[in-house]
PDB file of all heavy atoms in Angstrom:
ATOM      1  N   ASP A   1     -90.986 153.569 144.474  1.00  0.00           N
ATOM      2  CA  ASP A   1     -91.834 153.264 143.255  1.00  0.00           C
ATOM      3  C   ASP A   1     -93.191 152.697 143.683  1.00  0.00           C
ATOM      4  O   ASP A   1     -94.090 152.694 142.887  1.00  0.00           O
ATOM      5  CB  ASP A   1     -91.018 152.326 142.380  1.00  0.00           C
ATOM      6  CG  ASP A   1     -89.845 152.778 141.651  1.00  0.00           C
ATOM      7  OD1 ASP A   1     -89.797 154.153 141.453  1.00  0.00           O
ATOM      8  OD2 ASP A   1     -88.950 152.111 141.343  1.00  0.00           O
ATOM      9  N   THR A   2     -93.162 152.078 144.935  1.00  0.00           N
ATOM     10  CA  THR A   2     -94.447 151.532 145.347  1.00  0.00           C
ATOM     11  C   THR A   2     -95.378 152.510 146.005  1.00  0.00           C
ATOM     12  O   THR A   2     -96.520 152.220 146.427  1.00  0.00           O
ATOM     13  CB  THR A   2     -94.148 150.346 146.374  1.00  0.00           C
ATOM     14  OG1 THR A   2     -93.685 150.890 147.533  1.00  0.00           O
ATOM     15  CG2 THR A   2     -93.233 149.362 145.739  1.00  0.00           C
ATOM     16  N   CYS A   3     -94.875 153.694 146.222  1.00  0.00           N
ATOM     17  CA  CYS A   3     -95.622 154.734 146.931  1.00  0.00           C
ATOM     18  C   CYS A   3     -96.322 155.686 145.942  1.00  0.00           C
ATOM     19  O   CYS A   3     -95.940 155.688 144.735  1.00  0.00           O
ATOM     20  CB  CYS A   3     -94.773 155.540 147.798  1.00  0.00           C
ATOM     21  SG  CYS A   3     -93.935 154.684 149.112  1.00  0.00           S
ATOM     22  N   ARG A   4     -97.368 156.348 146.366  1.00  0.00           N
ATOM     23  CA  ARG A   4     -98.069 157.349 145.645  1.00  0.00           C
ATOM     24  C   ARG A   4     -97.052 158.396 145.228  1.00  0.00           C
ATOM     25  O   ARG A   4     -96.193 158.808 145.981  1.00  0.00           O
ATOM     26  CB  ARG A   4     -99.234 157.939 146.341  1.00  0.00           C
ATOM     27  CG  ARG A   4    -100.270 158.643 145.562  1.00  0.00           C
ATOM     28  CD  ARG A   4    -101.491 158.882 146.309  1.00  0.00           C
ATOM     29  NE  ARG A   4    -101.311 159.722 147.508  1.00  0.00           N
ATOM     30  CZ  ARG A   4    -102.149 160.032 148.425  1.00  0.00           C
ATOM     31  NH1 ARG A   4    -103.394 159.632 148.255  1.00  0.00           N
ATOM     32  NH2 ARG A   4    -101.846 160.822 149.397  1.00  0.00           N
ATOM     33  N   PRO A   5     -97.043 158.929 143.982  1.00  0.00           N
ATOM     34  CA  PRO A   5     -96.033 159.845 143.465  1.00  0.00           C
ATOM     35  C   PRO A   5     -95.708 160.994 144.441  1.00  0.00           C
ATOM     36  O   PRO A   5     -94.554 161.406 144.716  1.00  0.00           O
ATOM     37  CB  PRO A   5     -96.486 160.325 142.165  1.00  0.00           C
ATOM     38  CG  PRO A   5     -97.355 159.213 141.639  1.00  0.00           C
ATOM     39  CD  PRO A   5     -98.038 158.660 142.869  1.00  0.00           C
ATOM     40  N   GLU A   6     -96.820 161.633 145.019  1.00  0.00           N
ATOM     41  CA  GLU A   6     -96.539 162.650 145.956  1.00  0.00           C
ATOM     42  C   GLU A   6     -95.969 162.245 147.312  1.00  0.00           C
ATOM     43  O   GLU A   6     -95.566 163.140 148.128  1.00  0.00           O
ATOM     44  CB  GLU A   6     -97.857 163.484 146.216  1.00  0.00           C
ATOM     45  CG  GLU A   6     -99.058 162.605 146.649  1.00  0.00           C
ATOM     46  CD  GLU A   6     -99.929 162.090 145.496  1.00  0.00           C
ATOM     47  OE1 GLU A   6     -99.366 161.764 144.422  1.00  0.00           O
ATOM     48  OE2 GLU A   6    -101.130 162.136 145.656  1.00  0.00           O
ATOM     49  N   GLU A   7     -95.892 160.904 147.573  1.00  0.00           N
ATOM     50  CA  GLU A   7     -95.301 160.409 148.835  1.00  0.00           C
ATOM     51  C   GLU A   7     -93.921 159.888 148.599  1.00  0.00           C
ATOM     52  O   GLU A   7     -93.150 159.615 149.574  1.00  0.00           O
ATOM     53  CB  GLU A   7     -96.111 159.202 149.354  1.00  0.00           C
ATOM     54  CG  GLU A   7     -97.616 159.571 149.566  1.00  0.00           C
ATOM     55  CD  GLU A   7     -97.727 160.232 150.913  1.00  0.00           C
ATOM     56  OE1 GLU A   7     -96.748 160.226 151.755  1.00  0.00           O
ATOM     57  OE2 GLU A   7     -98.741 160.978 151.159  1.00  0.00           O
ATOM     58  N   ALA A   8     -93.481 159.923 147.273  1.00  0.00           N
ATOM     59  CA  ALA A   8     -92.141 159.329 146.936  1.00  0.00           C
ATOM     60  C   ALA A   8     -91.001 160.105 147.561  1.00  0.00           C
ATOM     61  O   ALA A   8     -90.032 159.541 148.029  1.00  0.00           O
ATOM     62  CB  ALA A   8     -91.878 159.116 145.393  1.00  0.00           C
ATOM     63  N   GLY A   9     -91.128 161.500 147.623  1.00  0.00           N
ATOM     64  CA  GLY A   9     -90.142 162.247 148.180  1.00  0.00           C
ATOM     65  C   GLY A   9     -89.937 161.948 149.601  1.00  0.00           C
ATOM     66  O   GLY A   9     -88.729 161.999 150.161  1.00  0.00           O
ATOM     67  N   LEU A  10     -91.010 161.821 150.374  1.00  0.00           N
ATOM     68  CA  LEU A  10     -90.997 161.492 151.726  1.00  0.00           C
ATOM     69  C   LEU A  10     -90.216 160.186 152.000  1.00  0.00           C
ATOM     70  O   LEU A  10     -89.387 160.079 152.844  1.00  0.00           O
ATOM     71  CB  LEU A  10     -92.371 161.380 152.331  1.00  0.00           C
ATOM     72  CG  LEU A  10     -92.517 160.855 153.770  1.00  0.00           C
ATOM     73  CD1 LEU A  10     -91.835 161.797 154.733  1.00  0.00           C
ATOM     74  CD2 LEU A  10     -93.925 160.701 154.172  1.00  0.00           C
ATOM     75  N   ALA A  11     -90.519 159.181 151.107  1.00  0.00           N
ATOM     76  CA  ALA A  11     -89.790 157.986 151.264  1.00  0.00           C
ATOM     77  C   ALA A  11     -88.369 158.024 151.096  1.00  0.00           C
ATOM     78  O   ALA A  11     -87.471 157.519 151.871  1.00  0.00           O
ATOM     79  CB  ALA A  11     -90.366 156.935 150.234  1.00  0.00           C
ATOM     80  N   ASP A  12     -87.867 158.869 150.126  1.00  0.00           N
ATOM     81  CA  ASP A  12     -86.449 159.158 149.867  1.00  0.00           C
ATOM     82  C   ASP A  12     -85.771 159.806 151.145  1.00  0.00           C
ATOM     83  O   ASP A  12     -84.758 159.431 151.559  1.00  0.00           O
ATOM     84  CB  ASP A  12     -86.242 159.916 148.687  1.00  0.00           C
ATOM     85  CG  ASP A  12     -86.505 159.198 147.375  1.00  0.00           C
ATOM     86  OD1 ASP A  12     -86.377 157.933 147.466  1.00  0.00           O
ATOM     87  OD2 ASP A  12     -86.820 159.758 146.390  1.00  0.00           O
ATOM     88  N   LYS A  13     -86.595 160.764 151.742  1.00  0.00           N
ATOM     89  CA  LYS A  13     -86.022 161.370 152.922  1.00  0.00           C
ATOM     90  C   LYS A  13     -85.908 160.436 154.146  1.00  0.00           C
ATOM     91  O   LYS A  13     -84.971 160.451 154.914  1.00  0.00           O
ATOM     92  CB  LYS A  13     -86.986 162.489 153.356  1.00  0.00           C
ATOM     93  CG  LYS A  13     -86.895 163.754 152.389  1.00  0.00           C
ATOM     94  CD  LYS A  13     -87.865 164.876 152.842  1.00  0.00           C
ATOM     95  CE  LYS A  13     -87.752 166.008 151.903  1.00  0.00           C
ATOM     96  NZ  LYS A  13     -88.803 167.078 152.270  1.00  0.00           N
ATOM     97  N   GLN A  14     -86.944 159.486 154.180  1.00  0.00           N
ATOM     98  CA  GLN A  14     -86.890 158.530 155.319  1.00  0.00           C
ATOM     99  C   GLN A  14     -85.608 157.648 155.090  1.00  0.00           C
ATOM    100  O   GLN A  14     -85.047 157.172 156.113  1.00  0.00           O
ATOM    101  CB  GLN A  14     -88.073 157.723 155.336  1.00  0.00           C
ATOM    102  CG  GLN A  14     -89.361 158.449 155.667  1.00  0.00           C
ATOM    103  CD  GLN A  14     -89.264 159.064 157.160  1.00  0.00           C
ATOM    104  OE1 GLN A  14     -88.594 158.539 158.023  1.00  0.00           O
ATOM    105  NE2 GLN A  14     -89.905 160.215 157.292  1.00  0.00           N
ATOM    106  N   PHE A  15     -85.252 157.239 153.891  1.00  0.00           N
ATOM    107  CA  PHE A  15     -84.053 156.380 153.705  1.00  0.00           C
ATOM    108  C   PHE A  15     -82.789 157.179 154.130  1.00  0.00           C
ATOM    109  O   PHE A  15     -81.861 156.615 154.644  1.00  0.00           O
ATOM    110  CB  PHE A  15     -83.965 155.829 152.263  1.00  0.00           C
ATOM    111  CG  PHE A  15     -84.699 154.523 152.084  1.00  0.00           C
ATOM    112  CD1 PHE A  15     -86.058 154.530 151.914  1.00  0.00           C
ATOM    113  CD2 PHE A  15     -83.969 153.362 152.228  1.00  0.00           C
ATOM    114  CE1 PHE A  15     -86.697 153.313 151.707  1.00  0.00           C
ATOM    115  CE2 PHE A  15     -84.665 152.161 152.129  1.00  0.00           C
ATOM    116  CZ  PHE A  15     -86.057 152.098 151.859  1.00  0.00           C
ATOM    117  N   THR A  16     -82.766 158.436 153.857  1.00  0.00           N
ATOM    118  CA  THR A  16     -81.687 159.319 154.387  1.00  0.00           C
ATOM    119  C   THR A  16     -81.540 159.168 155.908  1.00  0.00           C
ATOM    120  O   THR A  16     -80.495 159.010 156.509  1.00  0.00           O
ATOM    121  CB  THR A  16     -81.814 160.746 153.960  1.00  0.00           C
ATOM    122  OG1 THR A  16     -81.789 160.756 152.480  1.00  0.00           O
ATOM    123  CG2 THR A  16     -80.642 161.577 154.389  1.00  0.00           C
ATOM    124  N   LEU A  17     -82.755 159.322 156.550  1.00  0.00           N
ATOM    125  CA  LEU A  17     -82.783 159.248 158.014  1.00  0.00           C
ATOM    126  C   LEU A  17     -82.412 157.877 158.515  1.00  0.00           C
ATOM    127  O   LEU A  17     -81.555 157.752 159.502  1.00  0.00           O
ATOM    128  CB  LEU A  17     -84.186 159.538 158.512  1.00  0.00           C
ATOM    129  CG  LEU A  17     -84.541 159.496 159.985  1.00  0.00           C
ATOM    130  CD1 LEU A  17     -83.686 160.551 160.711  1.00  0.00           C
ATOM    131  CD2 LEU A  17     -86.008 159.597 160.263  1.00  0.00           C
ATOM    132  N   ILE A  18     -82.733 156.795 157.864  1.00  0.00           N
ATOM    133  CA  ILE A  18     -82.350 155.498 158.170  1.00  0.00           C
ATOM    134  C   ILE A  18     -80.756 155.341 158.098  1.00  0.00           C
ATOM    135  O   ILE A  18     -80.178 154.752 158.974  1.00  0.00           O
ATOM    136  CB  ILE A  18     -83.058 154.490 157.281  1.00  0.00           C
ATOM    137  CG1 ILE A  18     -84.521 154.399 157.569  1.00  0.00           C
ATOM    138  CG2 ILE A  18     -82.501 153.025 157.575  1.00  0.00           C
ATOM    139  CD1 ILE A  18     -85.386 153.720 156.460  1.00  0.00           C
ATOM    140  N   ARG A  19     -80.225 155.876 157.100  1.00  0.00           N
ATOM    141  CA  ARG A  19     -78.693 155.829 156.910  1.00  0.00           C
ATOM    142  C   ARG A  19     -78.069 156.536 158.121  1.00  0.00           C
ATOM    143  O   ARG A  19     -77.030 156.065 158.581  1.00  0.00           O
ATOM    144  CB  ARG A  19     -78.276 156.323 155.596  1.00  0.00           C
ATOM    145  CG  ARG A  19     -78.602 155.520 154.403  1.00  0.00           C
ATOM    146  CD  ARG A  19     -77.827 155.992 153.197  1.00  0.00           C
ATOM    147  NE  ARG A  19     -78.181 157.399 152.775  1.00  0.00           N
ATOM    148  CZ  ARG A  19     -79.219 157.678 151.894  1.00  0.00           C
ATOM    149  NH1 ARG A  19     -79.879 156.653 151.396  1.00  0.00           N
ATOM    150  NH2 ARG A  19     -79.418 158.877 151.502  1.00  0.00           N
ATOM    151  N   GLU A  20     -78.652 157.564 158.544  1.00  0.00           N
ATOM    152  CA  GLU A  20     -78.069 158.360 159.626  1.00  0.00           C
ATOM    153  C   GLU A  20     -78.241 157.778 161.018  1.00  0.00           C
ATOM    154  O   GLU A  20     -77.400 157.870 161.881  1.00  0.00           O
ATOM    155  CB  GLU A  20     -78.643 159.792 159.626  1.00  0.00           C
ATOM    156  CG  GLU A  20     -78.217 160.583 158.275  1.00  0.00           C
ATOM    157  CD  GLU A  20     -78.894 161.907 158.124  1.00  0.00           C
ATOM    158  OE1 GLU A  20     -79.686 162.207 158.912  1.00  0.00           O
ATOM    159  OE2 GLU A  20     -78.474 162.717 157.331  1.00  0.00           O
ATOM    160  N   THR A  21     -79.495 157.263 161.255  1.00  0.00           N
ATOM    161  CA  THR A  21     -79.859 156.893 162.585  1.00  0.00           C
ATOM    162  C   THR A  21     -80.049 155.395 162.758  1.00  0.00           C
ATOM    163  O   THR A  21     -79.976 154.928 163.941  1.00  0.00           O
ATOM    164  CB  THR A  21     -81.158 157.560 163.064  1.00  0.00           C
ATOM    165  OG1 THR A  21     -82.237 157.059 162.229  1.00  0.00           O
ATOM    166  CG2 THR A  21     -81.100 159.055 162.962  1.00  0.00           C
ATOM    167  N   GLY A  22     -80.205 154.678 161.719  1.00  0.00           N
ATOM    168  CA  GLY A  22     -80.339 153.212 161.809  1.00  0.00           C
ATOM    169  C   GLY A  22     -81.805 152.741 161.809  1.00  0.00           C
ATOM    170  O   GLY A  22     -82.014 151.529 161.790  1.00  0.00           O
ATOM    171  N   TYR A  23     -82.828 153.701 161.891  1.00  0.00           N
ATOM    172  CA  TYR A  23     -84.140 153.291 161.941  1.00  0.00           C
ATOM    173  C   TYR A  23     -85.076 154.474 161.604  1.00  0.00           C
ATOM    174  O   TYR A  23     -84.611 155.578 161.581  1.00  0.00           O
ATOM    175  CB  TYR A  23     -84.600 152.797 163.357  1.00  0.00           C
ATOM    176  CG  TYR A  23     -84.563 153.790 164.461  1.00  0.00           C
ATOM    177  CD1 TYR A  23     -85.633 154.567 164.733  1.00  0.00           C
ATOM    178  CD2 TYR A  23     -83.327 154.128 165.057  1.00  0.00           C
ATOM    179  CE1 TYR A  23     -85.607 155.540 165.697  1.00  0.00           C
ATOM    180  CE2 TYR A  23     -83.285 155.132 166.007  1.00  0.00           C
ATOM    181  CZ  TYR A  23     -84.487 155.869 166.362  1.00  0.00           C
ATOM    182  OH  TYR A  23     -84.389 156.775 167.279  1.00  0.00           O
ATOM    183  N   ALA A  24     -86.339 154.129 161.290  1.00  0.00           N
ATOM    184  CA  ALA A  24     -87.291 155.209 161.019  1.00  0.00           C
ATOM    185  C   ALA A  24     -88.693 154.547 161.116  1.00  0.00           C
ATOM    186  O   ALA A  24     -88.880 153.343 160.854  1.00  0.00           O
ATOM    187  CB  ALA A  24     -87.104 155.783 159.635  1.00  0.00           C
ATOM    188  N   THR A  25     -89.705 155.356 161.549  1.00  0.00           N
ATOM    189  CA  THR A  25     -91.068 155.024 161.605  1.00  0.00           C
ATOM    190  C   THR A  25     -91.877 156.094 161.015  1.00  0.00           C
ATOM    191  O   THR A  25     -91.714 157.252 161.358  1.00  0.00           O
ATOM    192  CB  THR A  25     -91.611 154.810 163.091  1.00  0.00           C
ATOM    193  OG1 THR A  25     -90.735 153.641 163.596  1.00  0.00           O
ATOM    194  CG2 THR A  25     -93.087 154.380 163.123  1.00  0.00           C
ATOM    195  N   PHE A  26     -92.727 155.803 160.018  1.00  0.00           N
ATOM    196  CA  PHE A  26     -93.525 156.858 159.291  1.00  0.00           C
ATOM    197  C   PHE A  26     -94.645 156.220 158.634  1.00  0.00           C
ATOM    198  O   PHE A  26     -94.877 154.916 158.588  1.00  0.00           O
ATOM    199  CB  PHE A  26     -92.545 157.527 158.259  1.00  0.00           C
ATOM    200  CG  PHE A  26     -91.997 156.651 157.192  1.00  0.00           C
ATOM    201  CD1 PHE A  26     -92.692 156.520 155.932  1.00  0.00           C
ATOM    202  CD2 PHE A  26     -90.840 155.973 157.455  1.00  0.00           C
ATOM    203  CE1 PHE A  26     -92.146 155.751 154.920  1.00  0.00           C
ATOM    204  CE2 PHE A  26     -90.363 155.073 156.434  1.00  0.00           C
ATOM    205  CZ  PHE A  26     -90.928 155.069 155.176  1.00  0.00           C
ATOM    206  N   GLU A  27     -95.508 156.994 158.094  1.00  0.00           N
ATOM    207  CA  GLU A  27     -96.760 156.580 157.410  1.00  0.00           C
ATOM    208  C   GLU A  27     -96.590 157.205 156.044  1.00  0.00           C
ATOM    209  O   GLU A  27     -96.036 158.165 155.709  1.00  0.00           O
ATOM    210  CB  GLU A  27     -98.071 157.178 158.098  1.00  0.00           C
ATOM    211  CG  GLU A  27     -98.304 156.537 159.465  1.00  0.00           C
ATOM    212  CD  GLU A  27     -99.641 157.103 159.992  1.00  0.00           C
ATOM    213  OE1 GLU A  27    -100.315 157.896 159.332  1.00  0.00           O
ATOM    214  OE2 GLU A  27     -99.922 156.715 161.198  1.00  0.00           O
ATOM    215  N   THR A  28     -97.072 156.365 155.044  1.00  0.00           N
ATOM    216  CA  THR A  28     -97.180 156.678 153.663  1.00  0.00           C
ATOM    217  C   THR A  28     -98.319 156.110 152.968  1.00  0.00           C
ATOM    218  O   THR A  28     -99.140 155.409 153.611  1.00  0.00           O
ATOM    219  CB  THR A  28     -95.881 156.253 152.997  1.00  0.00           C
ATOM    220  OG1 THR A  28     -95.782 156.794 151.693  1.00  0.00           O
ATOM    221  CG2 THR A  28     -95.748 154.727 152.935  1.00  0.00           C
ATOM    222  N   VAL A  29     -98.496 156.445 151.755  1.00  0.00           N
ATOM    223  CA  VAL A  29     -99.583 155.809 151.040  1.00  0.00           C
ATOM    224  C   VAL A  29     -99.031 154.996 149.771  1.00  0.00           C
ATOM    225  O   VAL A  29     -98.305 155.618 148.985  1.00  0.00           O
ATOM    226  CB  VAL A  29    -100.553 156.959 150.406  1.00  0.00           C
ATOM    227  CG1 VAL A  29    -101.631 156.285 149.558  1.00  0.00           C
ATOM    228  CG2 VAL A  29    -101.194 157.710 151.564  1.00  0.00           C
ATOM    229  N   GLN A  30     -99.373 153.811 149.833  1.00  0.00           N
ATOM    230  CA  GLN A  30     -98.819 152.858 148.779  1.00  0.00           C
ATOM    231  C   GLN A  30     -99.862 152.839 147.544  1.00  0.00           C
ATOM    232  O   GLN A  30    -101.094 152.783 147.835  1.00  0.00           O
ATOM    233  CB  GLN A  30     -98.682 151.452 149.282  1.00  0.00           C
ATOM    234  CG  GLN A  30     -98.035 150.454 148.453  1.00  0.00           C
ATOM    235  CD  GLN A  30     -97.935 149.125 149.173  1.00  0.00           C
ATOM    236  OE1 GLN A  30     -98.929 148.391 149.328  1.00  0.00           O
ATOM    237  NE2 GLN A  30     -96.685 148.717 149.454  1.00  0.00           N
ATOM    238  N   ILE A  31     -99.438 152.782 146.401  1.00  0.00           N
ATOM    239  CA  ILE A  31    -100.268 152.618 145.204  1.00  0.00           C
ATOM    240  C   ILE A  31     -99.944 151.296 144.585  1.00  0.00           C
ATOM    241  O   ILE A  31     -98.870 151.008 144.223  1.00  0.00           O
ATOM    242  CB  ILE A  31    -100.134 153.779 144.183  1.00  0.00           C
ATOM    243  CG1 ILE A  31    -101.151 153.573 143.092  1.00  0.00           C
ATOM    244  CG2 ILE A  31     -98.701 153.860 143.698  1.00  0.00           C
ATOM    245  CD1 ILE A  31    -101.362 154.877 142.249  1.00  0.00           C
TER     246      ILE A  31
END
């Protein structure tokens, strides 16, 4: 919800990665 709408899908994918690997590093745009 804090990300730009077009970035929200990427954020959800990153949380899937975090659940699988325990960590993630990425860039996004916050609104």
